[in-house]
Amino acid sequence: MSKDFALLVDYKYCSGCHSCEVACKNELGLPVGKFGIRVLENKPQKVGEGVENAWDWDYVPVPTGLCNHCEPRVREGKKPSCVKHCQSFCMSYGTLEEMQQLAAEADHKVAIYLP
């Protein structure tokens, strides 16, 4: 797999539905307890006071060491399984430059993962 490709997660929109986990497990045929991508939850925490009373509550899909960025699918011109099945459309896959551009345009937290 070329290092020129990357996975971007825009976790402003991740709802924690775990569809990426399920899609990945099915794609890779992983047994119970093994994950190619794992949705982590950053529990609610207060980040503002008074009128600015704001909260952070993030779900962050994180590829594990078992993730192969769906190399066989990508070679066929398809999206990685996690990206294809993401219910909130918060995951993107493309060249590193494309993902860096998307990240630069975001006004909130994103993460870029390399293979």
Foldseek 3Di string as FASTA:
>chain_A
DDQQKKKKFDFVQQPPPCQLFVQQCVLVVPDPPDTQKDWDWDDWDFDDDDPPGDIDITIDIGGDPNHPQPVVQVVVVHHRRSCVRRPRNRMDMDGPVVNVVVVVPDPDDMDMGTD
